[in-house]
Structure formats: structure tokens, C-alpha cells
Amino acid sequence: MVSVKKFLTEFKFFLNNVRFQFVKIGSFCSADLHPVLSGVPQGSVLGPVLFILYINDICDLASSDVTIIKFFADDAKLYISKEQRQT
């Protein structure tokens, strides 16, 4: 059985681990690696859990007359309008 301390240590590493990415289009590759400062690594076991934790509170943040939030599968888009929505 995994101890709570070990789990929290691993979880902290997972969240704080800096990942890097580059762009490849055809045979062209960008010269520099850039740090990825947000998101969850693709294929991670914790990805779905972290997404659910994140998405549960986003509706509270978007509850106003100038915001609209749309959900689709594992994605969310937040739209902010300059004018109030007509209800």
C-alpha cells in the first residue's frame, strides 16, 4: 500500500515537472524547446482526474451575464462578451 507521504511527493513532482515542446511541420523543426507551463501530459493516468477537478469549479467562475462556457468531451471554451447577454 502506498503511503500518503509518498503519494503527495509523487503528485507534487507530477504537477511541478516542467515539460518542453517544439514545433514540427513537415521536415521543419523549430530550433528551440519551449517550456509547457500548463496542461496535463497526454496519456497520463492523472489527466482525467485533474480535468474533472478543474472543470467542476469553472462554471462558478463563468456565472455572469457577459460569459458563456461551452463544454465538449475533454475541452472547455470560455467566451467573454463586451455586452450583456439577452436572456
PDB file of N, CA and C in Angstrom:
ATOM      1  N   MET A   1       0.842  -1.178   0.000  1.00  0.00           N
ATOM      2  CA  MET A   1       0.000   0.000   0.000  1.00  0.00           C
ATOM      3  C   MET A   1       0.890   1.244   0.000  1.00  0.00           C
ATOM      4  N   VAL A   2       0.528   2.221  -0.786  1.00  0.00           N
ATOM      5  CA  VAL A   2       1.321   3.445  -0.923  1.00  0.00           C
ATOM      6  C   VAL A   2       0.994   4.377   0.239  1.00  0.00           C
ATOM      7  N   SER A   3       2.052   4.924   0.846  1.00  0.00           N
ATOM      8  CA  SER A   3       1.828   5.852   1.954  1.00  0.00           C
ATOM      9  C   SER A   3       1.341   7.201   1.411  1.00  0.00           C
ATOM     10  N   VAL A   4       0.653   7.953   2.252  1.00  0.00           N
ATOM     11  CA  VAL A   4       0.143   9.265   1.862  1.00  0.00           C
ATOM     12  C   VAL A   4       1.308  10.188   1.529  1.00  0.00           C
ATOM     13  N   LYS A   5       2.378  10.115   2.295  1.00  0.00           N
ATOM     14  CA  LYS A   5       3.536  10.980   2.057  1.00  0.00           C
ATOM     15  C   LYS A   5       4.143  10.699   0.682  1.00  0.00           C
ATOM     16  N   LYS A   6       4.287   9.418   0.330  1.00  0.00           N
ATOM     17  CA  LYS A   6       4.848   9.059  -0.976  1.00  0.00           C
ATOM     18  C   LYS A   6       3.919   9.528  -2.099  1.00  0.00           C
ATOM     19  N   PHE A   7       2.621   9.342  -1.906  1.00  0.00           N
ATOM     20  CA  PHE A   7       1.664   9.777  -2.916  1.00  0.00           C
ATOM     21  C   PHE A   7       1.761  11.282  -3.130  1.00  0.00           C
ATOM     22  N   LEU A   8       1.775  12.065  -2.040  1.00  0.00           N
ATOM     23  CA  LEU A   8       1.847  13.517  -2.157  1.00  0.00           C
ATOM     24  C   LEU A   8       3.154  13.970  -2.804  1.00  0.00           C
ATOM     25  N   THR A   9       4.240  13.274  -2.505  1.00  0.00           N
ATOM     26  CA  THR A   9       5.526  13.593  -3.131  1.00  0.00           C
ATOM     27  C   THR A   9       5.459  13.367  -4.632  1.00  0.00           C
ATOM     28  N   GLU A  10       4.923  12.226  -5.037  1.00  0.00           N
ATOM     29  CA  GLU A  10       4.788  11.918  -6.465  1.00  0.00           C
ATOM     30  C   GLU A  10       3.834  12.893  -7.160  1.00  0.00           C
ATOM     31  N   PHE A  11       2.746  13.237  -6.501  1.00  0.00           N
ATOM     32  CA  PHE A  11       1.765  14.160  -7.067  1.00  0.00           C
ATOM     33  C   PHE A  11       2.384  15.546  -7.258  1.00  0.00           C
ATOM     34  N   LYS A  12       3.140  15.998  -6.280  1.00  0.00           N
ATOM     35  CA  LYS A  12       3.820  17.298  -6.375  1.00  0.00           C
ATOM     36  C   LYS A  12       4.805  17.286  -7.546  1.00  0.00           C
ATOM     37  N   PHE A  13       5.574  16.209  -7.697  1.00  0.00           N
ATOM     38  CA  PHE A  13       6.508  16.089  -8.811  1.00  0.00           C
ATOM     39  C   PHE A  13       5.765  16.144 -10.138  1.00  0.00           C
ATOM     40  N   PHE A  14       4.637  15.440 -10.215  1.00  0.00           N
ATOM     41  CA  PHE A  14       3.832  15.405 -11.434  1.00  0.00           C
ATOM     42  C   PHE A  14       3.379  16.808 -11.820  1.00  0.00           C
ATOM     43  N   LEU A  15       2.929  17.587 -10.834  1.00  0.00           N
ATOM     44  CA  LEU A  15       2.430  18.932 -11.118  1.00  0.00           C
ATOM     45  C   LEU A  15       3.542  19.932 -11.397  1.00  0.00           C
ATOM     46  N   ASN A  16       4.693  19.751 -10.772  1.00  0.00           N
ATOM     47  CA  ASN A  16       5.785  20.714 -10.907  1.00  0.00           C
ATOM     48  C   ASN A  16       6.798  20.368 -11.990  1.00  0.00           C
ATOM     49  N   ASN A  17       6.715  19.171 -12.535  1.00  0.00           N
ATOM     50  CA  ASN A  17       7.674  18.742 -13.542  1.00  0.00           C
ATOM     51  C   ASN A  17       7.501  19.581 -14.815  1.00  0.00           C
ATOM     52  N   VAL A  18       8.556  20.235 -15.240  1.00  0.00           N
ATOM     53  CA  VAL A  18       8.490  21.075 -16.434  1.00  0.00           C
ATOM     54  C   VAL A  18       8.688  20.203 -17.672  1.00  0.00           C
ATOM     55  N   ARG A  19       7.767  20.333 -18.609  1.00  0.00           N
ATOM     56  CA  ARG A  19       7.871  19.617 -19.872  1.00  0.00           C
ATOM     57  C   ARG A  19       8.226  20.629 -20.953  1.00  0.00           C
ATOM     58  N   PHE A  20       8.822  20.161 -22.024  1.00  0.00           N
ATOM     59  CA  PHE A  20       9.216  21.035 -23.120  1.00  0.00           C
ATOM     60  C   PHE A  20       8.597  20.535 -24.414  1.00  0.00           C
ATOM     61  N   GLN A  21       8.401  21.448 -25.348  1.00  0.00           N
ATOM     62  CA  GLN A  21       7.857  21.066 -26.647  1.00  0.00           C
ATOM     63  C   GLN A  21       8.536  21.856 -27.755  1.00  0.00           C
ATOM     64  N   PHE A  22       8.426  21.335 -28.955  1.00  0.00           N
ATOM     65  CA  PHE A  22       8.903  22.035 -30.140  1.00  0.00           C
ATOM     66  C   PHE A  22       7.854  21.859 -31.225  1.00  0.00           C
ATOM     67  N   VAL A  23       7.991  22.615 -32.298  1.00  0.00           N
ATOM     68  CA  VAL A  23       7.035  22.551 -33.400  1.00  0.00           C
ATOM     69  C   VAL A  23       7.698  21.846 -34.573  1.00  0.00           C
ATOM     70  N   LYS A  24       6.966  20.896 -35.162  1.00  0.00           N
ATOM     71  CA  LYS A  24       7.445  20.219 -36.365  1.00  0.00           C
ATOM     72  C   LYS A  24       6.350  20.276 -37.414  1.00  0.00           C
ATOM     73  N   ILE A  25       6.692  20.868 -38.557  1.00  0.00           N
ATOM     74  CA  ILE A  25       5.782  20.927 -39.699  1.00  0.00           C
ATOM     75  C   ILE A  25       6.532  20.354 -40.882  1.00  0.00           C
ATOM     76  N   GLY A  26       6.056  19.209 -41.351  1.00  0.00           N
ATOM     77  CA  GLY A  26       6.766  18.523 -42.428  1.00  0.00           C
ATOM     78  C   GLY A  26       8.157  18.134 -41.943  1.00  0.00           C
ATOM     79  N   SER A  27       9.184  18.600 -42.660  1.00  0.00           N
ATOM     80  CA  SER A  27      10.557  18.292 -42.243  1.00  0.00           C
ATOM     81  C   SER A  27      11.171  19.437 -41.424  1.00  0.00           C
ATOM     82  N   PHE A  28      10.418  20.526 -41.235  1.00  0.00           N
ATOM     83  CA  PHE A  28      10.929  21.660 -40.469  1.00  0.00           C
ATOM     84  C   PHE A  28      10.675  21.455 -38.978  1.00  0.00           C
ATOM     85  N   CYS A  29      11.697  21.687 -38.176  1.00  0.00           N
ATOM     86  CA  CYS A  29      11.573  21.654 -36.714  1.00  0.00           C
ATOM     87  C   CYS A  29      12.062  22.978 -36.149  1.00  0.00           C
ATOM     88  N   SER A  30      11.321  23.521 -35.195  1.00  0.00           N
ATOM     89  CA  SER A  30      11.776  24.752 -34.551  1.00  0.00           C
ATOM     90  C   SER A  30      13.081  24.483 -33.820  1.00  0.00           C
ATOM     91  N   ALA A  31      13.932  25.484 -33.761  1.00  0.00           N
ATOM     92  CA  ALA A  31      15.264  25.314 -33.185  1.00  0.00           C
ATOM     93  C   ALA A  31      15.226  25.219 -31.662  1.00  0.00           C
ATOM     94  N   ASP A  32      14.285  25.911 -31.036  1.00  0.00           N
ATOM     95  CA  ASP A  32      14.272  25.985 -29.580  1.00  0.00           C
ATOM     96  C   ASP A  32      13.178  25.117 -28.967  1.00  0.00           C
ATOM     97  N   LEU A  33      13.487  24.579 -27.802  1.00  0.00           N
ATOM     98  CA  LEU A  33      12.474  23.925 -26.986  1.00  0.00           C
ATOM     99  C   LEU A  33      11.868  24.982 -26.078  1.00  0.00           C
ATOM    100  N   HIS A  34      10.561  24.961 -25.937  1.00  0.00           N
ATOM    101  CA  HIS A  34       9.869  25.922 -25.088  1.00  0.00           C
ATOM    102  C   HIS A  34       9.173  25.176 -23.956  1.00  0.00           C
ATOM    103  N   PRO A  35       9.234  25.716 -22.731  1.00  0.00           N
ATOM    104  CA  PRO A  35       8.573  25.041 -21.615  1.00  0.00           C
ATOM    105  C   PRO A  35       7.053  25.081 -21.758  1.00  0.00           C
ATOM    106  N   VAL A  36       6.416  23.998 -21.362  1.00  0.00           N
ATOM    107  CA  VAL A  36       4.964  23.920 -21.320  1.00  0.00           C
ATOM    108  C   VAL A  36       4.571  24.233 -19.885  1.00  0.00           C
ATOM    109  N   LEU A  37       3.887  25.360 -19.689  1.00  0.00           N
ATOM    110  CA  LEU A  37       3.613  25.835 -18.337  1.00  0.00           C
ATOM    111  C   LEU A  37       2.217  25.480 -17.830  1.00  0.00           C
ATOM    112  N   SER A  38       1.405  24.853 -18.658  1.00  0.00           N
ATOM    113  CA  SER A  38       0.068  24.478 -18.207  1.00  0.00           C
ATOM    114  C   SER A  38      -0.345  23.182 -18.885  1.00  0.00           C
ATOM    115  N   GLY A  39      -1.458  22.655 -18.434  1.00  0.00           N
ATOM    116  CA  GLY A  39      -1.985  21.442 -19.035  1.00  0.00           C
ATOM    117  C   GLY A  39      -1.494  20.191 -18.331  1.00  0.00           C
ATOM    118  N   VAL A  40      -1.958  19.072 -18.814  1.00  0.00           N
ATOM    119  CA  VAL A  40      -1.631  17.768 -18.251  1.00  0.00           C
ATOM    120  C   VAL A  40      -1.010  16.942 -19.364  1.00  0.00           C
ATOM    121  N   PRO A  41       0.075  16.208 -19.071  1.00  0.00           N
ATOM    122  CA  PRO A  41       0.695  15.389 -20.122  1.00  0.00           C
ATOM    123  C   PRO A  41      -0.305  14.419 -20.753  1.00  0.00           C
ATOM    124  N   GLN A  42      -0.270  14.316 -22.071  1.00  0.00           N
ATOM    125  CA  GLN A  42      -1.150  13.398 -22.779  1.00  0.00           C
ATOM    126  C   GLN A  42      -0.868  11.967 -22.342  1.00  0.00           C
ATOM    127  N   GLY A  43      -1.930  11.205 -22.157  1.00  0.00           N
ATOM    128  CA  GLY A  43      -1.783   9.803 -21.793  1.00  0.00           C
ATOM    129  C   GLY A  43      -1.492   9.566 -20.330  1.00  0.00           C
ATOM    130  N   SER A  44      -1.536  10.604 -19.504  1.00  0.00           N
ATOM    131  CA  SER A  44      -1.244  10.416 -18.082  1.00  0.00           C
ATOM    132  C   SER A  44      -2.452   9.807 -17.377  1.00  0.00           C
ATOM    133  N   VAL A  45      -2.187   9.073 -16.327  1.00  0.00           N
ATOM    134  CA  VAL A  45      -3.250   8.455 -15.545  1.00  0.00           C
ATOM    135  C   VAL A  45      -4.023   9.516 -14.763  1.00  0.00           C
ATOM    136  N   LEU A  46      -3.329  10.543 -14.308  1.00  0.00           N
ATOM    137  CA  LEU A  46      -3.972  11.596 -13.521  1.00  0.00           C
ATOM    138  C   LEU A  46      -4.715  12.610 -14.379  1.00  0.00           C
ATOM    139  N   GLY A  47      -4.501  12.615 -15.681  1.00  0.00           N
ATOM    140  CA  GLY A  47      -5.114  13.598 -16.559  1.00  0.00           C
ATOM    141  C   GLY A  47      -6.618  13.738 -16.394  1.00  0.00           C
ATOM    142  N   PRO A  48      -7.382  12.651 -16.492  1.00  0.00           N
ATOM    143  CA  PRO A  48      -8.833  12.762 -16.348  1.00  0.00           C
ATOM    144  C   PRO A  48      -9.262  13.270 -14.965  1.00  0.00           C
ATOM    145  N   VAL A  49      -8.575  12.846 -13.920  1.00  0.00           N
ATOM    146  CA  VAL A  49      -8.914  13.300 -12.563  1.00  0.00           C
ATOM    147  C   VAL A  49      -8.656  14.792 -12.425  1.00  0.00           C
ATOM    148  N   LEU A  50      -7.509  15.253 -12.898  1.00  0.00           N
ATOM    149  CA  LEU A  50      -7.193  16.676 -12.807  1.00  0.00           C
ATOM    150  C   LEU A  50      -8.161  17.512 -13.635  1.00  0.00           C
ATOM    151  N   PHE A  51      -8.569  16.995 -14.789  1.00  0.00           N
ATOM    152  CA  PHE A  51      -9.529  17.718 -15.622  1.00  0.00           C
ATOM    153  C   PHE A  51     -10.860  17.875 -14.893  1.00  0.00           C
ATOM    154  N   ILE A  52     -11.324  16.814 -14.258  1.00  0.00           N
ATOM    155  CA  ILE A  52     -12.598  16.873 -13.531  1.00  0.00           C
ATOM    156  C   ILE A  52     -12.503  17.861 -12.371  1.00  0.00           C
ATOM    157  N   LEU A  53     -11.382  17.846 -11.647  1.00  0.00           N
ATOM    158  CA  LEU A  53     -11.208  18.797 -10.544  1.00  0.00           C
ATOM    159  C   LEU A  53     -11.236  20.229 -11.058  1.00  0.00           C
ATOM    160  N   TYR A  54     -10.603  20.462 -12.191  1.00  0.00           N
ATOM    161  CA  TYR A  54     -10.559  21.797 -12.786  1.00  0.00           C
ATOM    162  C   TYR A  54     -11.929  22.228 -13.291  1.00  0.00           C
ATOM    163  N   ILE A  55     -12.596  21.350 -13.996  1.00  0.00           N
ATOM    164  CA  ILE A  55     -13.828  21.702 -14.683  1.00  0.00           C
ATOM    165  C   ILE A  55     -14.998  21.877 -13.721  1.00  0.00           C
ATOM    166  N   ASN A  56     -14.955  21.229 -12.554  1.00  0.00           N
ATOM    167  CA  ASN A  56     -16.056  21.339 -11.603  1.00  0.00           C
ATOM    168  C   ASN A  56     -16.290  22.767 -11.134  1.00  0.00           C
ATOM    169  N   ASP A  57     -15.242  23.563 -10.991  1.00  0.00           N
ATOM    170  CA  ASP A  57     -15.384  24.918 -10.466  1.00  0.00           C
ATOM    171  C   ASP A  57     -15.442  25.992 -11.545  1.00  0.00           C
ATOM    172  N   ILE A  58     -15.183  25.645 -12.776  1.00  0.00           N
ATOM    173  CA  ILE A  58     -15.123  26.669 -13.809  1.00  0.00           C
ATOM    174  C   ILE A  58     -16.498  27.291 -14.067  1.00  0.00           C
ATOM    175  N   CYS A  59     -17.569  26.542 -13.865  1.00  0.00           N
ATOM    176  CA  CYS A  59     -18.909  27.094 -14.062  1.00  0.00           C
ATOM    177  C   CYS A  59     -19.196  28.205 -13.067  1.00  0.00           C
ATOM    178  N   ASP A  60     -18.692  28.081 -11.847  1.00  0.00           N
ATOM    179  CA  ASP A  60     -18.882  29.142 -10.852  1.00  0.00           C
ATOM    180  C   ASP A  60     -18.172  30.419 -11.282  1.00  0.00           C
ATOM    181  N   LEU A  61     -17.030  30.283 -11.908  1.00  0.00           N
ATOM    182  CA  LEU A  61     -16.280  31.447 -12.358  1.00  0.00           C
ATOM    183  C   LEU A  61     -16.955  32.122 -13.544  1.00  0.00           C
ATOM    184  N   ALA A  62     -17.666  31.344 -14.315  1.00  0.00           N
ATOM    185  CA  ALA A  62     -18.263  31.869 -15.548  1.00  0.00           C
ATOM    186  C   ALA A  62     -19.731  32.229 -15.392  1.00  0.00           C
ATOM    187  N   SER A  63     -20.198  32.368 -14.171  1.00  0.00           N
ATOM    188  CA  SER A  63     -21.620  32.642 -13.972  1.00  0.00           C
ATOM    189  C   SER A  63     -21.879  34.144 -13.935  1.00  0.00           C
ATOM    190  N   SER A  64     -21.947  34.731 -15.105  1.00  0.00           N
ATOM    191  CA  SER A  64     -22.314  36.143 -15.211  1.00  0.00           C
ATOM    192  C   SER A  64     -23.024  36.359 -16.541  1.00  0.00           C
ATOM    193  N   ASP A  65     -23.515  37.575 -16.729  1.00  0.00           N
ATOM    194  CA  ASP A  65     -24.256  37.888 -17.959  1.00  0.00           C
ATOM    195  C   ASP A  65     -23.352  38.133 -19.157  1.00  0.00           C
ATOM    196  N   VAL A  66     -22.053  38.222 -18.956  1.00  0.00           N
ATOM    197  CA  VAL A  66     -21.149  38.501 -20.072  1.00  0.00           C
ATOM    198  C   VAL A  66     -20.273  37.303 -20.428  1.00  0.00           C
ATOM    199  N   THR A  67     -20.479  36.170 -19.761  1.00  0.00           N
ATOM    200  CA  THR A  67     -19.665  34.991 -20.069  1.00  0.00           C
ATOM    201  C   THR A  67     -20.535  33.826 -20.532  1.00  0.00           C
ATOM    202  N   ILE A  68     -19.976  33.065 -21.440  1.00  0.00           N
ATOM    203  CA  ILE A  68     -20.604  31.832 -21.917  1.00  0.00           C
ATOM    204  C   ILE A  68     -19.529  30.760 -21.874  1.00  0.00           C
ATOM    205  N   ILE A  69     -19.873  29.593 -21.378  1.00  0.00           N
ATOM    206  CA  ILE A  69     -18.913  28.488 -21.359  1.00  0.00           C
ATOM    207  C   ILE A  69     -19.506  27.312 -22.116  1.00  0.00           C
ATOM    208  N   LYS A  70     -18.692  26.727 -22.973  1.00  0.00           N
ATOM    209  CA  LYS A  70     -19.106  25.573 -23.779  1.00  0.00           C
ATOM    210  C   LYS A  70     -18.186  24.402 -23.455  1.00  0.00           C
ATOM    211  N   PHE A  71     -18.770  23.224 -23.240  1.00  0.00           N
ATOM    212  CA  PHE A  71     -18.003  22.014 -22.946  1.00  0.00           C
ATOM    213  C   PHE A  71     -18.173  21.017 -24.077  1.00  0.00           C
ATOM    214  N   PHE A  72     -17.086  20.328 -24.399  1.00  0.00           N
ATOM    215  CA  PHE A  72     -17.154  19.238 -25.362  1.00  0.00           C
ATOM    216  C   PHE A  72     -16.087  18.222 -24.990  1.00  0.00           C
ATOM    217  N   ALA A  73     -16.516  17.041 -24.607  1.00  0.00           N
ATOM    218  CA  ALA A  73     -15.616  15.944 -24.237  1.00  0.00           C
ATOM    219  C   ALA A  73     -14.589  16.420 -23.211  1.00  0.00           C
ATOM    220  N   ASP A  74     -13.334  16.544 -23.616  1.00  0.00           N
ATOM    221  CA  ASP A  74     -12.283  16.934 -22.667  1.00  0.00           C
ATOM    222  C   ASP A  74     -11.792  18.355 -22.935  1.00  0.00           C
ATOM    223  N   ASP A  75     -12.704  19.218 -23.349  1.00  0.00           N
ATOM    224  CA  ASP A  75     -12.311  20.587 -23.674  1.00  0.00           C
ATOM    225  C   ASP A  75     -13.356  21.557 -23.135  1.00  0.00           C
ATOM    226  N   ALA A  76     -12.918  22.759 -22.844  1.00  0.00           N
ATOM    227  CA  ALA A  76     -13.829  23.824 -22.406  1.00  0.00           C
ATOM    228  C   ALA A  76     -13.383  25.124 -23.056  1.00  0.00           C
ATOM    229  N   LYS A  77     -14.339  25.903 -23.502  1.00  0.00           N
ATOM    230  CA  LYS A  77     -14.067  27.213 -24.088  1.00  0.00           C
ATOM    231  C   LYS A  77     -14.865  28.248 -23.321  1.00  0.00           C
ATOM    232  N   LEU A  78     -14.219  29.343 -22.969  1.00  0.00           N
ATOM    233  CA  LEU A  78     -14.865  30.428 -22.246  1.00  0.00           C
ATOM    234  C   LEU A  78     -14.924  31.635 -23.160  1.00  0.00           C
ATOM    235  N   TYR A  79     -16.126  32.139 -23.379  1.00  0.00           N
ATOM    236  CA  TYR A  79     -16.337  33.305 -24.228  1.00  0.00           C
ATOM    237  C   TYR A  79     -16.765  34.467 -23.337  1.00  0.00           C
ATOM    238  N   ILE A  80     -16.139  35.607 -23.530  1.00  0.00           N
ATOM    239  CA  ILE A  80     -16.488  36.805 -22.780  1.00  0.00           C
ATOM    240  C   ILE A  80     -16.948  37.865 -23.766  1.00  0.00           C
ATOM    241  N   SER A  81     -18.117  38.411 -23.504  1.00  0.00           N
ATOM    242  CA  SER A  81     -18.710  39.401 -24.388  1.00  0.00           C
ATOM    243  C   SER A  81     -18.541  40.799 -23.808  1.00  0.00           C
ATOM    244  N   LYS A  82     -18.497  41.789 -24.691  1.00  0.00           N
ATOM    245  CA  LYS A  82     -18.449  43.181 -24.243  1.00  0.00           C
ATOM    246  C   LYS A  82     -19.822  43.646 -23.773  1.00  0.00           C
ATOM    247  N   GLU A  83     -20.858  42.983 -24.260  1.00  0.00           N
ATOM    248  CA  GLU A  83     -22.221  43.378 -23.929  1.00  0.00           C
ATOM    249  C   GLU A  83     -22.917  42.259 -23.164  1.00  0.00           C
ATOM    250  N   GLN A  84     -23.919  42.639 -22.382  1.00  0.00           N
ATOM    251  CA  GLN A  84     -24.677  41.662 -21.622  1.00  0.00           C
ATOM    252  C   GLN A  84     -25.494  40.777 -22.553  1.00  0.00           C
ATOM    253  N   ARG A  85     -25.608  39.498 -22.165  1.00  0.00           N
ATOM    254  CA  ARG A  85     -26.430  38.566 -22.924  1.00  0.00           C
ATOM    255  C   ARG A  85     -27.902  38.859 -22.673  1.00  0.00           C
ATOM    256  N   GLN A  86     -28.717  38.634 -23.691  1.00  0.00           N
ATOM    257  CA  GLN A  86     -30.159  38.745 -23.535  1.00  0.00           C
ATOM    258  C   GLN A  86     -30.681  37.377 -23.117  1.00  0.00           C
ATOM    259  N   THR A  87     -31.429  37.310 -22.023  1.00  0.00           N
ATOM    260  CA  THR A  87     -31.942  36.006 -21.560  1.00  0.00           C
ATOM    261  C   THR A  87     -33.413  35.864 -21.813  1.00  0.00           C
TER     262      THR A  87
END
